[in-house]
Amino acid sequence: MINTGNVDHISAQAKFYERHLDTMLSVHPPVLSHSDLPRKNILFKKAVDSEEVTIINWEVAGWYTSYQEYAIGFCTLEWNDDGPQYFEEFAGPWPKEASAMRMLYQNLWL
């Protein structure tokens, strides 16, 4: 029978992450990741014969799991244009990992 009474939601979430987060994180190799790529951190400069892209604000960069860039970016994507498509081409599609990280992001910061 499911307990629908007073459930400690924080403890329940912590137990969920305790059961699953380690497995999810351990199967991916570490890579150098910027880990903070909203559009404001990507600068584009177009010249007559070339294009230049500069990524700024590297304060939180580090060695993270291979899906980190996509998963963190996925948490803050704006779906009002074709930006998510380009982001996926750049960072690679990691939908399962991104979904799990989004859930963690919402539990911790929202």
PDB file of N, CA and C in Angstrom:
ATOM      1  N   MET A   1       0.841  -1.174   0.000  1.00  0.00           N
ATOM      2  CA  MET A   1       0.000   0.000   0.000  1.00  0.00           C
ATOM      3  C   MET A   1       0.893   1.246   0.000  1.00  0.00           C
ATOM      4  N   ILE A   2       0.507   2.232  -0.760  1.00  0.00           N
ATOM      5  CA  ILE A   2       1.255   3.479  -0.855  1.00  0.00           C
ATOM      6  C   ILE A   2       0.896   4.386   0.309  1.00  0.00           C
ATOM      7  N   ASN A   3       1.908   4.954   0.929  1.00  0.00           N
ATOM      8  CA  ASN A   3       1.707   5.890   2.032  1.00  0.00           C
ATOM      9  C   ASN A   3       1.390   7.261   1.445  1.00  0.00           C
ATOM     10  N   THR A   4       0.172   7.725   1.634  1.00  0.00           N
ATOM     11  CA  THR A   4      -0.219   9.045   1.125  1.00  0.00           C
ATOM     12  C   THR A   4      -0.300  10.080   2.238  1.00  0.00           C
ATOM     13  N   GLY A   5       0.151   9.708   3.415  1.00  0.00           N
ATOM     14  CA  GLY A   5       0.127  10.629   4.552  1.00  0.00           C
ATOM     15  C   GLY A   5       1.328  11.551   4.536  1.00  0.00           C
ATOM     16  N   ASN A   6       1.828  11.852   5.703  1.00  0.00           N
ATOM     17  CA  ASN A   6       2.989  12.731   5.841  1.00  0.00           C
ATOM     18  C   ASN A   6       4.248  12.030   5.344  1.00  0.00           C
ATOM     19  N   VAL A   7       4.716  12.413   4.194  1.00  0.00           N
ATOM     20  CA  VAL A   7       5.943  11.856   3.634  1.00  0.00           C
ATOM     21  C   VAL A   7       6.991  12.956   3.642  1.00  0.00           C
ATOM     22  N   ASP A   8       8.158  12.635   4.133  1.00  0.00           N
ATOM     23  CA  ASP A   8       9.266  13.587   4.128  1.00  0.00           C
ATOM     24  C   ASP A   8       9.830  13.627   2.706  1.00  0.00           C
ATOM     25  N   HIS A   9       9.400  14.623   1.931  1.00  0.00           N
ATOM     26  CA  HIS A   9       9.779  14.701   0.520  1.00  0.00           C
ATOM     27  C   HIS A   9      11.284  14.870   0.331  1.00  0.00           C
ATOM     28  N   ILE A  10      11.918  15.601   1.197  1.00  0.00           N
ATOM     29  CA  ILE A  10      13.364  15.805   1.073  1.00  0.00           C
ATOM     30  C   ILE A  10      14.100  14.485   1.276  1.00  0.00           C
ATOM     31  N   SER A  11      13.701  13.722   2.266  1.00  0.00           N
ATOM     32  CA  SER A  11      14.330  12.418   2.502  1.00  0.00           C
ATOM     33  C   SER A  11      14.055  11.462   1.351  1.00  0.00           C
ATOM     34  N   ALA A  12      12.840  11.493   0.824  1.00  0.00           N
ATOM     35  CA  ALA A  12      12.496  10.622  -0.298  1.00  0.00           C
ATOM     36  C   ALA A  12      13.334  10.959  -1.525  1.00  0.00           C
ATOM     37  N   GLN A  13      13.505  12.252  -1.801  1.00  0.00           N
ATOM     38  CA  GLN A  13      14.329  12.662  -2.938  1.00  0.00           C
ATOM     39  C   GLN A  13      15.787  12.285  -2.709  1.00  0.00           C
ATOM     40  N   ALA A  14      16.285  12.494  -1.512  1.00  0.00           N
ATOM     41  CA  ALA A  14      17.676  12.146  -1.202  1.00  0.00           C
ATOM     42  C   ALA A  14      17.914  10.650  -1.397  1.00  0.00           C
ATOM     43  N   LYS A  15      16.967   9.822  -0.985  1.00  0.00           N
ATOM     44  CA  LYS A  15      17.100   8.371  -1.161  1.00  0.00           C
ATOM     45  C   LYS A  15      17.089   7.999  -2.641  1.00  0.00           C
ATOM     46  N   PHE A  16      16.258   8.676  -3.420  1.00  0.00           N
ATOM     47  CA  PHE A  16      16.224   8.435  -4.866  1.00  0.00           C
ATOM     48  C   PHE A  16      17.588   8.720  -5.483  1.00  0.00           C
ATOM     49  N   TYR A  17      18.143   9.900  -5.170  1.00  0.00           N
ATOM     50  CA  TYR A  17      19.452  10.261  -5.723  1.00  0.00           C
ATOM     51  C   TYR A  17      20.546   9.333  -5.205  1.00  0.00           C
ATOM     52  N   GLU A  18      20.436   8.914  -3.979  1.00  0.00           N
ATOM     53  CA  GLU A  18      21.415   7.987  -3.413  1.00  0.00           C
ATOM     54  C   GLU A  18      21.414   6.670  -4.186  1.00  0.00           C
ATOM     55  N   ARG A  19      20.240   6.216  -4.610  1.00  0.00           N
ATOM     56  CA  ARG A  19      20.132   4.962  -5.351  1.00  0.00           C
ATOM     57  C   ARG A  19      20.625   5.089  -6.789  1.00  0.00           C
ATOM     58  N   HIS A  20      20.437   6.235  -7.433  1.00  0.00           N
ATOM     59  CA  HIS A  20      20.643   6.310  -8.879  1.00  0.00           C
ATOM     60  C   HIS A  20      21.759   7.229  -9.363  1.00  0.00           C
ATOM     61  N   LEU A  21      22.100   8.254  -8.639  1.00  0.00           N
ATOM     62  CA  LEU A  21      23.024   9.265  -9.140  1.00  0.00           C
ATOM     63  C   LEU A  21      24.425   8.714  -9.374  1.00  0.00           C
ATOM     64  N   ASP A  22      24.917   7.882  -8.483  1.00  0.00           N
ATOM     65  CA  ASP A  22      26.264   7.339  -8.635  1.00  0.00           C
ATOM     66  C   ASP A  22      26.401   6.528  -9.922  1.00  0.00           C
ATOM     67  N   THR A  23      25.411   5.704 -10.225  1.00  0.00           N
ATOM     68  CA  THR A  23      25.447   4.909 -11.448  1.00  0.00           C
ATOM     69  C   THR A  23      25.458   5.805 -12.673  1.00  0.00           C
ATOM     70  N   MET A  24      24.633   6.814 -12.657  1.00  0.00           N
ATOM     71  CA  MET A  24      24.559   7.718 -13.798  1.00  0.00           C
ATOM     72  C   MET A  24      25.879   8.450 -14.005  1.00  0.00           C
ATOM     73  N   LEU A  25      26.510   8.883 -12.948  1.00  0.00           N
ATOM     74  CA  LEU A  25      27.741   9.654 -13.064  1.00  0.00           C
ATOM     75  C   LEU A  25      28.953   8.785 -13.362  1.00  0.00           C
ATOM     76  N   SER A  26      28.958   7.549 -12.920  1.00  0.00           N
ATOM     77  CA  SER A  26      30.162   6.731 -13.024  1.00  0.00           C
ATOM     78  C   SER A  26      30.408   6.152 -14.407  1.00  0.00           C
ATOM     79  N   VAL A  27      29.432   6.122 -15.271  1.00  0.00           N
ATOM     80  CA  VAL A  27      29.616   5.494 -16.584  1.00  0.00           C
ATOM     81  C   VAL A  27      30.078   6.469 -17.657  1.00  0.00           C
ATOM     82  N   HIS A  28      30.340   7.699 -17.311  1.00  0.00           N
ATOM     83  CA  HIS A  28      30.759   8.708 -18.277  1.00  0.00           C
ATOM     84  C   HIS A  28      32.164   9.206 -17.943  1.00  0.00           C
ATOM     85  N   PRO A  29      33.026   9.305 -18.966  1.00  0.00           N
ATOM     86  CA  PRO A  29      34.389   9.781 -18.701  1.00  0.00           C
ATOM     87  C   PRO A  29      34.409  11.280 -18.412  1.00  0.00           C
ATOM     88  N   PRO A  30      35.398  11.737 -17.657  1.00  0.00           N
ATOM     89  CA  PRO A  30      35.514  13.181 -17.412  1.00  0.00           C
ATOM     90  C   PRO A  30      36.078  13.903 -18.631  1.00  0.00           C
ATOM     91  N   VAL A  31      35.563  15.095 -18.883  1.00  0.00           N
ATOM     92  CA  VAL A  31      36.059  15.957 -19.962  1.00  0.00           C
ATOM     93  C   VAL A  31      36.106  17.393 -19.438  1.00  0.00           C
ATOM     94  N   LEU A  32      36.942  18.213 -20.049  1.00  0.00           N
ATOM     95  CA  LEU A  32      36.984  19.624 -19.679  1.00  0.00           C
ATOM     96  C   LEU A  32      35.711  20.288 -20.185  1.00  0.00           C
ATOM     97  N   SER A  33      35.009  20.953 -19.305  1.00  0.00           N
ATOM     98  CA  SER A  33      33.718  21.543 -19.638  1.00  0.00           C
ATOM     99  C   SER A  33      33.640  22.977 -19.127  1.00  0.00           C
ATOM    100  N   HIS A  34      33.088  23.858 -19.936  1.00  0.00           N
ATOM    101  CA  HIS A  34      32.850  25.243 -19.530  1.00  0.00           C
ATOM    102  C   HIS A  34      31.797  25.270 -18.429  1.00  0.00           C
ATOM    103  N   SER A  35      30.711  24.554 -18.635  1.00  0.00           N
ATOM    104  CA  SER A  35      29.654  24.325 -17.658  1.00  0.00           C
ATOM    105  C   SER A  35      28.782  25.535 -17.336  1.00  0.00           C
ATOM    106  N   ASP A  36      28.823  26.559 -18.175  1.00  0.00           N
ATOM    107  CA  ASP A  36      27.964  27.733 -17.972  1.00  0.00           C
ATOM    108  C   ASP A  36      27.827  28.455 -19.313  1.00  0.00           C
ATOM    109  N   LEU A  37      27.017  27.887 -20.212  1.00  0.00           N
ATOM    110  CA  LEU A  37      26.942  28.434 -21.562  1.00  0.00           C
ATOM    111  C   LEU A  37      25.588  29.015 -21.948  1.00  0.00           C
ATOM    112  N   PRO A  38      25.041  29.924 -21.165  1.00  0.00           N
ATOM    113  CA  PRO A  38      23.888  30.653 -21.694  1.00  0.00           C
ATOM    114  C   PRO A  38      24.380  31.551 -22.830  1.00  0.00           C
ATOM    115  N   ARG A  39      23.487  32.050 -23.608  1.00  0.00           N
ATOM    116  CA  ARG A  39      23.880  32.858 -24.780  1.00  0.00           C
ATOM    117  C   ARG A  39      24.760  34.047 -24.422  1.00  0.00           C
ATOM    118  N   LYS A  40      24.583  34.590 -23.239  1.00  0.00           N
ATOM    119  CA  LYS A  40      25.376  35.767 -22.864  1.00  0.00           C
ATOM    120  C   LYS A  40      26.863  35.441 -22.735  1.00  0.00           C
ATOM    121  N   ASN A  41      27.218  34.172 -22.615  1.00  0.00           N
ATOM    122  CA  ASN A  41      28.625  33.782 -22.510  1.00  0.00           C
ATOM    123  C   ASN A  41      29.237  33.354 -23.842  1.00  0.00           C
ATOM    124  N   ILE A  42      28.489  33.466 -24.919  1.00  0.00           N
ATOM    125  CA  ILE A  42      28.990  33.118 -26.249  1.00  0.00           C
ATOM    126  C   ILE A  42      28.915  34.365 -27.117  1.00  0.00           C
ATOM    127  N   LEU A  43      30.066  34.857 -27.524  1.00  0.00           N
ATOM    128  CA  LEU A  43      30.142  36.079 -28.327  1.00  0.00           C
ATOM    129  C   LEU A  43      30.450  35.728 -29.776  1.00  0.00           C
ATOM    130  N   PHE A  44      29.706  36.328 -30.698  1.00  0.00           N
ATOM    131  CA  PHE A  44      29.908  36.111 -32.124  1.00  0.00           C
ATOM    132  C   PHE A  44      30.382  37.402 -32.765  1.00  0.00           C
ATOM    133  N   LYS A  45      31.372  37.284 -33.618  1.00  0.00           N
ATOM    134  CA  LYS A  45      31.874  38.442 -34.352  1.00  0.00           C
ATOM    135  C   LYS A  45      31.977  38.036 -35.817  1.00  0.00           C
ATOM    136  N   LYS A  46      31.281  38.768 -36.656  1.00  0.00           N
ATOM    137  CA  LYS A  46      31.268  38.455 -38.073  1.00  0.00           C
ATOM    138  C   LYS A  46      32.026  39.529 -38.827  1.00  0.00           C
ATOM    139  N   ALA A  47      33.026  39.114 -39.583  1.00  0.00           N
ATOM    140  CA  ALA A  47      33.787  40.022 -40.442  1.00  0.00           C
ATOM    141  C   ALA A  47      33.403  39.732 -41.887  1.00  0.00           C
ATOM    142  N   VAL A  48      33.969  40.474 -42.791  1.00  0.00           N
ATOM    143  CA  VAL A  48      33.647  40.299 -44.209  1.00  0.00           C
ATOM    144  C   VAL A  48      33.972  38.886 -44.672  1.00  0.00           C
ATOM    145  N   ASP A  49      35.126  38.380 -44.286  1.00  0.00           N
ATOM    146  CA  ASP A  49      35.561  37.078 -44.792  1.00  0.00           C
ATOM    147  C   ASP A  49      35.717  36.000 -43.713  1.00  0.00           C
ATOM    148  N   SER A  50      35.213  36.248 -42.510  1.00  0.00           N
ATOM    149  CA  SER A  50      35.356  35.241 -41.458  1.00  0.00           C
ATOM    150  C   SER A  50      34.317  35.438 -40.354  1.00  0.00           C
ATOM    151  N   GLU A  51      34.233  34.433 -39.516  1.00  0.00           N
ATOM    152  CA  GLU A  51      33.386  34.493 -38.329  1.00  0.00           C
ATOM    153  C   GLU A  51      34.224  34.062 -37.137  1.00  0.00           C
ATOM    154  N   GLU A  52      33.998  34.696 -36.005  1.00  0.00           N
ATOM    155  CA  GLU A  52      34.761  34.384 -34.802  1.00  0.00           C
ATOM    156  C   GLU A  52      33.794  34.143 -33.653  1.00  0.00           C
ATOM    157  N   VAL A  53      34.042  33.088 -32.907  1.00  0.00           N
ATOM    158  CA  VAL A  53      33.232  32.771 -31.732  1.00  0.00           C
ATOM    159  C   VAL A  53      34.153  32.787 -30.516  1.00  0.00           C
ATOM    160  N   THR A  54      33.735  33.497 -29.474  1.00  0.00           N
ATOM    161  CA  THR A  54      34.507  33.567 -28.235  1.00  0.00           C
ATOM    162  C   THR A  54      33.609  33.155 -27.076  1.00  0.00           C
ATOM    163  N   ILE A  55      34.118  32.281 -26.243  1.00  0.00           N
ATOM    164  CA  ILE A  55      33.380  31.855 -25.056  1.00  0.00           C
ATOM    165  C   ILE A  55      34.026  32.523 -23.848  1.00  0.00           C
ATOM    166  N   ILE A  56      33.206  33.221 -23.057  1.00  0.00           N
ATOM    167  CA  ILE A  56      33.717  33.967 -21.901  1.00  0.00           C
ATOM    168  C   ILE A  56      33.195  33.371 -20.594  1.00  0.00           C
ATOM    169  N   ASN A  57      33.691  33.890 -19.482  1.00  0.00           N
ATOM    170  CA  ASN A  57      33.252  33.519 -18.124  1.00  0.00           C
ATOM    171  C   ASN A  57      33.501  32.035 -17.819  1.00  0.00           C
ATOM    172  N   TRP A  58      34.744  31.698 -17.629  1.00  0.00           N
ATOM    173  CA  TRP A  58      35.163  30.322 -17.383  1.00  0.00           C
ATOM    174  C   TRP A  58      35.287  29.995 -15.889  1.00  0.00           C
ATOM    175  N   GLU A  59      34.639  30.744 -15.017  1.00  0.00           N
ATOM    176  CA  GLU A  59      34.816  30.568 -13.574  1.00  0.00           C
ATOM    177  C   GLU A  59      34.434  29.184 -13.061  1.00  0.00           C
ATOM    178  N   VAL A  60      33.420  28.557 -13.638  1.00  0.00           N
ATOM    179  CA  VAL A  60      32.970  27.254 -13.133  1.00  0.00           C
ATOM    180  C   VAL A  60      33.440  26.094 -13.996  1.00  0.00           C
ATOM    181  N   ALA A  61      34.336  26.369 -14.934  1.00  0.00           N
ATOM    182  CA  ALA A  61      34.862  25.306 -15.792  1.00  0.00           C
ATOM    183  C   ALA A  61      35.620  24.286 -14.953  1.00  0.00           C
ATOM    184  N   GLY A  62      35.650  23.068 -15.439  1.00  0.00           N
ATOM    185  CA  GLY A  62      36.377  22.022 -14.729  1.00  0.00           C
ATOM    186  C   GLY A  62      36.216  20.693 -15.434  1.00  0.00           C
ATOM    187  N   TRP A  63      36.688  19.656 -14.796  1.00  0.00           N
ATOM    188  CA  TRP A  63      36.574  18.299 -15.328  1.00  0.00           C
ATOM    189  C   TRP A  63      35.266  17.701 -14.820  1.00  0.00           C
ATOM    190  N   TYR A  64      34.332  17.538 -15.735  1.00  0.00           N
ATOM    191  CA  TYR A  64      33.009  17.021 -15.406  1.00  0.00           C
ATOM    192  C   TYR A  64      32.699  15.826 -16.304  1.00  0.00           C
ATOM    193  N   THR A  65      31.565  15.189 -16.063  1.00  0.00           N
ATOM    194  CA  THR A  65      31.145  14.078 -16.914  1.00  0.00           C
ATOM    195  C   THR A  65      30.935  14.562 -18.345  1.00  0.00           C
ATOM    196  N   SER A  66      31.040  13.645 -19.296  1.00  0.00           N
ATOM    197  CA  SER A  66      30.987  14.012 -20.710  1.00  0.00           C
ATOM    198  C   SER A  66      29.665  14.651 -21.133  1.00  0.00           C
ATOM    199  N   TYR A  67      28.612  14.450 -20.388  1.00  0.00           N
ATOM    200  CA  TYR A  67      27.323  15.044 -20.742  1.00  0.00           C
ATOM    201  C   TYR A  67      27.054  16.363 -20.012  1.00  0.00           C
ATOM    202  N   GLN A  68      27.958  16.817 -19.171  1.00  0.00           N
ATOM    203  CA  GLN A  68      27.734  17.985 -18.312  1.00  0.00           C
ATOM    204  C   GLN A  68      27.306  19.230 -19.083  1.00  0.00           C
ATOM    205  N   GLU A  69      28.023  19.544 -20.146  1.00  0.00           N
ATOM    206  CA  GLU A  69      27.731  20.770 -20.900  1.00  0.00           C
ATOM    207  C   GLU A  69      26.284  20.766 -21.386  1.00  0.00           C
ATOM    208  N   TYR A  70      25.871  19.634 -21.953  1.00  0.00           N
ATOM    209  CA  TYR A  70      24.503  19.526 -22.462  1.00  0.00           C
ATOM    210  C   TYR A  70      23.490  19.545 -21.319  1.00  0.00           C
ATOM    211  N   ALA A  71      23.746  18.770 -20.281  1.00  0.00           N
ATOM    212  CA  ALA A  71      22.773  18.641 -19.191  1.00  0.00           C
ATOM    213  C   ALA A  71      22.551  19.959 -18.456  1.00  0.00           C
ATOM    214  N   ILE A  72      23.616  20.685 -18.166  1.00  0.00           N
ATOM    215  CA  ILE A  72      23.473  21.972 -17.478  1.00  0.00           C
ATOM    216  C   ILE A  72      22.806  22.989 -18.400  1.00  0.00           C
ATOM    217  N   GLY A  73      23.225  23.020 -19.655  1.00  0.00           N
ATOM    218  CA  GLY A  73      22.601  23.934 -20.615  1.00  0.00           C
ATOM    219  C   GLY A  73      21.127  23.634 -20.812  1.00  0.00           C
ATOM    220  N   PHE A  74      20.778  22.355 -20.811  1.00  0.00           N
ATOM    221  CA  PHE A  74      19.398  21.926 -20.991  1.00  0.00           C
ATOM    222  C   PHE A  74      18.497  22.483 -19.893  1.00  0.00           C
ATOM    223  N   CYS A  75      19.036  22.620 -18.702  1.00  0.00           N
ATOM    224  CA  CYS A  75      18.249  23.135 -17.574  1.00  0.00           C
ATOM    225  C   CYS A  75      17.822  24.579 -17.780  1.00  0.00           C
ATOM    226  N   THR A  76      18.547  25.322 -18.580  1.00  0.00           N
ATOM    227  CA  THR A  76      18.265  26.754 -18.737  1.00  0.00           C
ATOM    228  C   THR A  76      17.941  27.151 -20.174  1.00  0.00           C
ATOM    229  N   LEU A  77      17.706  26.173 -21.054  1.00  0.00           N
ATOM    230  CA  LEU A  77      17.398  26.510 -22.450  1.00  0.00           C
ATOM    231  C   LEU A  77      16.115  27.316 -22.562  1.00  0.00           C
ATOM    232  N   GLU A  78      16.105  28.240 -23.491  1.00  0.00           N
ATOM    233  CA  GLU A  78      14.892  28.972 -23.849  1.00  0.00           C
ATOM    234  C   GLU A  78      14.375  28.343 -25.138  1.00  0.00           C
ATOM    235  N   TRP A  79      13.122  27.971 -25.157  1.00  0.00           N
ATOM    236  CA  TRP A  79      12.556  27.227 -26.275  1.00  0.00           C
ATOM    237  C   TRP A  79      11.765  28.126 -27.222  1.00  0.00           C
ATOM    238  N   ASN A  80      12.124  29.393 -27.307  1.00  0.00           N
ATOM    239  CA  ASN A  80      11.363  30.330 -28.135  1.00  0.00           C
ATOM    240  C   ASN A  80      11.999  30.575 -29.506  1.00  0.00           C
ATOM    241  N   ASP A  81      13.044  29.826 -29.851  1.00  0.00           N
ATOM    242  CA  ASP A  81      13.671  29.947 -31.173  1.00  0.00           C
ATOM    243  C   ASP A  81      14.422  28.652 -31.478  1.00  0.00           C
ATOM    244  N   ASP A  82      15.347  28.684 -32.436  1.00  0.00           N
ATOM    245  CA  ASP A  82      16.062  27.466 -32.812  1.00  0.00           C
ATOM    246  C   ASP A  82      17.357  27.263 -32.023  1.00  0.00           C
ATOM    247  N   GLY A  83      17.552  28.028 -30.957  1.00  0.00           N
ATOM    248  CA  GLY A  83      18.743  27.894 -30.125  1.00  0.00           C
ATOM    249  C   GLY A  83      18.981  26.491 -29.589  1.00  0.00           C
ATOM    250  N   PRO A  84      17.943  25.801 -29.068  1.00  0.00           N
ATOM    251  CA  PRO A  84      18.161  24.448 -28.557  1.00  0.00           C
ATOM    252  C   PRO A  84      18.721  23.479 -29.604  1.00  0.00           C
ATOM    253  N   GLN A  85      18.314  23.631 -30.848  1.00  0.00           N
ATOM    254  CA  GLN A  85      18.834  22.766 -31.913  1.00  0.00           C
ATOM    255  C   GLN A  85      20.341  22.974 -32.084  1.00  0.00           C
ATOM    256  N   TYR A  86      20.774  24.214 -32.128  1.00  0.00           N
ATOM    257  CA  TYR A  86      22.198  24.499 -32.282  1.00  0.00           C
ATOM    258  C   TYR A  86      22.983  24.067 -31.049  1.00  0.00           C
ATOM    259  N   PHE A  87      22.387  24.246 -29.899  1.00  0.00           N
ATOM    260  CA  PHE A  87      23.047  23.824 -28.665  1.00  0.00           C
ATOM    261  C   PHE A  87      23.280  22.318 -28.679  1.00  0.00           C
ATOM    262  N   GLU A  88      22.277  21.568 -29.126  1.00  0.00           N
ATOM    263  CA  GLU A  88      22.413  20.113 -29.186  1.00  0.00           C
ATOM    264  C   GLU A  88      23.490  19.699 -30.180  1.00  0.00           C
ATOM    265  N   GLU A  89      23.586  20.394 -31.300  1.00  0.00           N
ATOM    266  CA  GLU A  89      24.637  20.092 -32.272  1.00  0.00           C
ATOM    267  C   GLU A  89      26.014  20.346 -31.672  1.00  0.00           C
ATOM    268  N   PHE A  90      26.130  21.371 -30.856  1.00  0.00           N
ATOM    269  CA  PHE A  90      27.405  21.728 -30.234  1.00  0.00           C
ATOM    270  C   PHE A  90      27.764  20.786 -29.086  1.00  0.00           C
ATOM    271  N   ALA A  91      26.832  20.576 -28.180  1.00  0.00           N
ATOM    272  CA  ALA A  91      27.125  19.847 -26.944  1.00  0.00           C
ATOM    273  C   ALA A  91      26.778  18.369 -27.013  1.00  0.00           C
ATOM    274  N   GLY A  92      26.122  17.948 -28.075  1.00  0.00           N
ATOM    275  CA  GLY A  92      25.736  16.552 -28.198  1.00  0.00           C
ATOM    276  C   GLY A  92      24.450  16.258 -27.455  1.00  0.00           C
ATOM    277  N   PRO A  93      23.641  15.340 -27.964  1.00  0.00           N
ATOM    278  CA  PRO A  93      22.390  15.010 -27.279  1.00  0.00           C
ATOM    279  C   PRO A  93      22.609  13.987 -26.159  1.00  0.00           C
ATOM    280  N   TRP A  94      22.226  14.359 -24.988  1.00  0.00           N
ATOM    281  CA  TRP A  94      22.255  13.478 -23.811  1.00  0.00           C
ATOM    282  C   TRP A  94      20.903  13.601 -23.105  1.00  0.00           C
ATOM    283  N   PRO A  95      19.795  13.213 -23.739  1.00  0.00           N
ATOM    284  CA  PRO A  95      18.466  13.488 -23.171  1.00  0.00           C
ATOM    285  C   PRO A  95      18.187  12.808 -21.829  1.00  0.00           C
ATOM    286  N   LYS A  96      18.602  11.562 -21.647  1.00  0.00           N
ATOM    287  CA  LYS A  96      18.331  10.892 -20.361  1.00  0.00           C
ATOM    288  C   LYS A  96      19.093  11.562 -19.222  1.00  0.00           C
ATOM    289  N   GLU A  97      20.367  11.832 -19.457  1.00  0.00           N
ATOM    290  CA  GLU A  97      21.178  12.467 -18.432  1.00  0.00           C
ATOM    291  C   GLU A  97      20.695  13.884 -18.155  1.00  0.00           C
ATOM    292  N   ALA A  98      20.316  14.592 -19.212  1.00  0.00           N
ATOM    293  CA  ALA A  98      19.820  15.959 -19.046  1.00  0.00           C
ATOM    294  C   ALA A  98      18.519  15.975 -18.246  1.00  0.00           C
ATOM    295  N   SER A  99      17.660  15.010 -18.492  1.00  0.00           N
ATOM    296  CA  SER A  99      16.403  14.938 -17.737  1.00  0.00           C
ATOM    297  C   SER A  99      16.667  14.713 -16.254  1.00  0.00           C
ATOM    298  N   ALA A 100      17.597  13.821 -15.952  1.00  0.00           N
ATOM    299  CA  ALA A 100      17.937  13.567 -14.547  1.00  0.00           C
ATOM    300  C   ALA A 100      18.559  14.806 -13.908  1.00  0.00           C
ATOM    301  N   MET A 101      19.451  15.483 -14.629  1.00  0.00           N
ATOM    302  CA  MET A 101      20.083  16.684 -14.085  1.00  0.00           C
ATOM    303  C   MET A 101      19.074  17.816 -13.923  1.00  0.00           C
ATOM    304  N   ARG A 102      18.109  17.891 -14.839  1.00  0.00           N
ATOM    305  CA  ARG A 102      17.076  18.924 -14.713  1.00  0.00           C
ATOM    306  C   ARG A 102      16.246  18.695 -13.447  1.00  0.00           C
ATOM    307  N   MET A 103      15.939  17.429 -13.194  1.00  0.00           N
ATOM    308  CA  MET A 103      15.186  17.105 -11.986  1.00  0.00           C
ATOM    309  C   MET A 103      16.002  17.493 -10.748  1.00  0.00           C
ATOM    310  N   LEU A 104      17.288  17.183 -10.739  1.00  0.00           N
ATOM    311  CA  LEU A 104      18.154  17.554  -9.624  1.00  0.00           C
ATOM    312  C   LEU A 104      18.235  19.073  -9.494  1.00  0.00           C
ATOM    313  N   TYR A 105      18.397  19.764 -10.613  1.00  0.00           N
ATOM    314  CA  TYR A 105      18.457  21.232 -10.642  1.00  0.00           C
ATOM    315  C   TYR A 105      17.194  21.836 -10.022  1.00  0.00           C
ATOM    316  N   GLN A 106      16.032  21.311 -10.415  1.00  0.00           N
ATOM    317  CA  GLN A 106      14.772  21.830  -9.882  1.00  0.00           C
ATOM    318  C   GLN A 106      14.657  21.571  -8.383  1.00  0.00           C
ATOM    319  N   ASN A 107      15.099  20.411  -7.939  1.00  0.00           N
ATOM    320  CA  ASN A 107      15.023  20.092  -6.509  1.00  0.00           C
ATOM    321  C   ASN A 107      15.962  20.952  -5.677  1.00  0.00           C
ATOM    322  N   LEU A 108      17.105  21.312  -6.233  1.00  0.00           N
ATOM    323  CA  LEU A 108      18.087  22.072  -5.465  1.00  0.00           C
ATOM    324  C   LEU A 108      17.894  23.581  -5.533  1.00  0.00           C
ATOM    325  N   TRP A 109      17.509  24.105  -6.711  1.00  0.00           N
ATOM    326  CA  TRP A 109      17.534  25.557  -6.891  1.00  0.00           C
ATOM    327  C   TRP A 109      16.189  26.216  -7.165  1.00  0.00           C
ATOM    328  N   LEU A 110      15.154  25.465  -7.427  1.00  0.00           N
ATOM    329  CA  LEU A 110      13.868  26.114  -7.727  1.00  0.00           C
ATOM    330  C   LEU A 110      12.860  25.902  -6.622  1.00  0.00           C
TER     331      LEU A 110
END
